[in-house]
Structure formats: structure tokens, C-alpha cells
């Protein structure tokens, strides 16, 4: 069970990171973008680390409070949750 959970965490963070990269590229090319709601939902689905790294690497959404503050809060909550989930497996 622990292996499945950790695999999910890695997968969702990779997906979230890639979404930030795709959205940044679309923003540069003035194309239809990924909805902010989608970016935030994947971050909330334990993809907070991928979202944070995507913001930093792609320099994307860093000036929006709902991302800078929201993802910090999501990251702290997820870190604590992951710790307790792993410790109780």
C-alpha cells in the first residue's frame, strides 16, 4: 500500500509540474490556457510540490496571491498529511 501511495505522489507531482510548463508555453504563444482551477485542483490532489517547482522553474504564476500563498498553505498541509499517512502505514 505504501508503494502505491508513493507512486501516486510522484505521478501527480509530475503531472502538475508538466501542466505548469504547458500553461506557461501557451501563455507565451497566446493560445488557449489551462484553467487556474485545474492547476489548483491538481496541486490539492497532493501535487503541491510539482506545482511549486513548476512555478519556480517556469517562472509562472508567481505573482498571483492564490498561487504563491495558496500553494504554500497546500504544501504545508500536504507535507504533514504525507508524514502522518506514511507513519501509520
C-alpha atoms as a PDB file:
ATOM      1  CA  UNK A   1       0.000   0.000   0.000  1.00  0.00           C
ATOM      2  CA  UNK A   2       2.843   2.362   0.857  1.00  0.00           C
ATOM      3  CA  UNK A   3       4.431   1.772  -2.551  1.00  0.00           C
ATOM      4  CA  UNK A   4       1.161   2.578  -4.338  1.00  0.00           C
ATOM      5  CA  UNK A   5       0.746   5.791  -2.325  1.00  0.00           C
ATOM      6  CA  UNK A   6       4.300   6.955  -3.018  1.00  0.00           C
ATOM      7  CA  UNK A   7       3.906   6.113  -6.717  1.00  0.00           C
ATOM      8  CA  UNK A   8       0.735   8.218  -6.790  1.00  0.00           C
ATOM      9  CA  UNK A   9       2.530  11.134  -5.080  1.00  0.00           C
ATOM     10  CA  UNK A  10       5.338  11.025  -7.655  1.00  0.00           C
ATOM     11  CA  UNK A  11       2.895  10.730 -10.557  1.00  0.00           C
ATOM     12  CA  UNK A  12       0.565  13.570  -9.522  1.00  0.00           C
ATOM     13  CA  UNK A  13       3.532  15.874  -8.866  1.00  0.00           C
ATOM     14  CA  UNK A  14       4.983  15.102 -12.291  1.00  0.00           C
ATOM     15  CA  UNK A  15       1.593  15.767 -13.930  1.00  0.00           C
ATOM     16  CA  UNK A  16       1.214  19.051 -12.032  1.00  0.00           C
ATOM     17  CA  UNK A  17       4.746  20.177 -12.910  1.00  0.00           C
ATOM     18  CA  UNK A  18       4.140  19.436 -16.609  1.00  0.00           C
ATOM     19  CA  UNK A  19       0.809  21.299 -16.507  1.00  0.00           C
ATOM     20  CA  UNK A  20       2.568  24.441 -15.290  1.00  0.00           C
ATOM     21  CA  UNK A  21       5.092  24.125 -18.119  1.00  0.00           C
ATOM     22  CA  UNK A  22       2.399  23.623 -20.748  1.00  0.00           C
ATOM     23  CA  UNK A  23       0.378  26.555 -19.402  1.00  0.00           C
ATOM     24  CA  UNK A  24       3.441  28.819 -19.465  1.00  0.00           C
ATOM     25  CA  UNK A  25       4.199  27.846 -23.060  1.00  0.00           C
ATOM     26  CA  UNK A  26       0.583  28.503 -24.075  1.00  0.00           C
ATOM     27  CA  UNK A  27       0.696  31.886 -22.314  1.00  0.00           C
ATOM     28  CA  UNK A  28       3.762  32.894 -24.305  1.00  0.00           C
ATOM     29  CA  UNK A  29       2.118  31.823 -27.584  1.00  0.00           C
ATOM     30  CA  UNK A  30      -1.219  33.493 -26.709  1.00  0.00           C
ATOM     31  CA  UNK A  31      -3.071  30.186 -27.023  1.00  0.00           C
ATOM     32  CA  UNK A  32      -5.923  28.727 -25.007  1.00  0.00           C
ATOM     33  CA  UNK A  33      -4.667  28.095 -21.475  1.00  0.00           C
ATOM     34  CA  UNK A  34      -5.145  25.529 -18.741  1.00  0.00           C
ATOM     35  CA  UNK A  35      -7.732  26.822 -16.268  1.00  0.00           C
ATOM     36  CA  UNK A  36      -6.401  28.097 -12.940  1.00  0.00           C
ATOM     37  CA  UNK A  37      -8.965  25.874 -11.281  1.00  0.00           C
ATOM     38  CA  UNK A  38      -7.368  22.814 -12.913  1.00  0.00           C
ATOM     39  CA  UNK A  39      -3.880  23.854 -11.828  1.00  0.00           C
ATOM     40  CA  UNK A  40      -5.046  24.373  -8.250  1.00  0.00           C
ATOM     41  CA  UNK A  41      -7.048  21.131  -8.137  1.00  0.00           C
ATOM     42  CA  UNK A  42      -4.100  19.029  -9.239  1.00  0.00           C
ATOM     43  CA  UNK A  43      -1.978  20.800  -6.640  1.00  0.00           C
ATOM     44  CA  UNK A  44      -4.585  19.974  -3.986  1.00  0.00           C
ATOM     45  CA  UNK A  45      -4.596  16.317  -5.072  1.00  0.00           C
ATOM     46  CA  UNK A  46      -1.129  16.012  -3.435  1.00  0.00           C
ATOM     47  CA  UNK A  47       0.599  17.744  -6.371  1.00  0.00           C
ATOM     48  CA  UNK A  48       1.757  20.732  -4.311  1.00  0.00           C
ATOM     49  CA  UNK A  49       5.467  20.036  -4.717  1.00  0.00           C
ATOM     50  CA  UNK A  50       5.115  19.740  -8.507  1.00  0.00           C
ATOM     51  CA  UNK A  51       3.134  22.985  -8.584  1.00  0.00           C
ATOM     52  CA  UNK A  52       5.737  24.824  -6.514  1.00  0.00           C
ATOM     53  CA  UNK A  53       8.589  23.518  -8.677  1.00  0.00           C
ATOM     54  CA  UNK A  54       6.619  24.396 -11.832  1.00  0.00           C
ATOM     55  CA  UNK A  55       6.165  27.947 -10.585  1.00  0.00           C
ATOM     56  CA  UNK A  56       9.881  28.291  -9.912  1.00  0.00           C
ATOM     57  CA  UNK A  57      11.281  26.528 -12.993  1.00  0.00           C
ATOM     58  CA  UNK A  58       8.889  28.104 -15.498  1.00  0.00           C
ATOM     59  CA  UNK A  59       8.614  31.434 -13.647  1.00  0.00           C
ATOM     60  CA  UNK A  60       4.856  31.043 -13.895  1.00  0.00           C
ATOM     61  CA  UNK A  61       2.024  32.323 -11.685  1.00  0.00           C
ATOM     62  CA  UNK A  62       4.493  33.587  -9.071  1.00  0.00           C
ATOM     63  CA  UNK A  63       2.831  36.988  -8.745  1.00  0.00           C
ATOM     64  CA  UNK A  64      -0.683  35.665  -8.170  1.00  0.00           C
ATOM     65  CA  UNK A  65      -1.541  35.505  -4.472  1.00  0.00           C
ATOM     66  CA  UNK A  66      -3.808  32.485  -4.841  1.00  0.00           C
ATOM     67  CA  UNK A  67      -0.833  30.561  -6.191  1.00  0.00           C
ATOM     68  CA  UNK A  68       2.019  31.959  -4.106  1.00  0.00           C
ATOM     69  CA  UNK A  69       0.124  31.920  -0.794  1.00  0.00           C
ATOM     70  CA  UNK A  70      -2.308  29.132  -1.660  1.00  0.00           C
ATOM     71  CA  UNK A  71       0.357  26.688  -2.786  1.00  0.00           C
ATOM     72  CA  UNK A  72       2.435  27.418   0.312  1.00  0.00           C
ATOM     73  CA  UNK A  73      -0.537  26.527   2.508  1.00  0.00           C
ATOM     74  CA  UNK A  74      -1.335  23.463   0.394  1.00  0.00           C
ATOM     75  CA  UNK A  75       2.308  22.369   0.585  1.00  0.00           C
ATOM     76  CA  UNK A  76       2.453  22.602   4.364  1.00  0.00           C
ATOM     77  CA  UNK A  77      -0.813  20.707   4.790  1.00  0.00           C
ATOM     78  CA  UNK A  78       0.279  18.025   2.308  1.00  0.00           C
ATOM     79  CA  UNK A  79       3.679  17.582   3.917  1.00  0.00           C
ATOM     80  CA  UNK A  80       2.067  16.998   7.317  1.00  0.00           C
ATOM     81  CA  UNK A  81      -0.577  14.701   5.800  1.00  0.00           C
ATOM     82  CA  UNK A  82       2.005  12.634   3.896  1.00  0.00           C
ATOM     83  CA  UNK A  83       4.112  12.309   7.032  1.00  0.00           C
ATOM     84  CA  UNK A  84       1.185  11.000   9.075  1.00  0.00           C
ATOM     85  CA  UNK A  85      -0.018   8.691   6.296  1.00  0.00           C
ATOM     86  CA  UNK A  86       3.415   7.120   5.870  1.00  0.00           C
ATOM     87  CA  UNK A  87       3.989   6.814   9.629  1.00  0.00           C
ATOM     88  CA  UNK A  88       0.668   4.995  10.041  1.00  0.00           C
ATOM     89  CA  UNK A  89       1.136   2.516   7.178  1.00  0.00           C
END
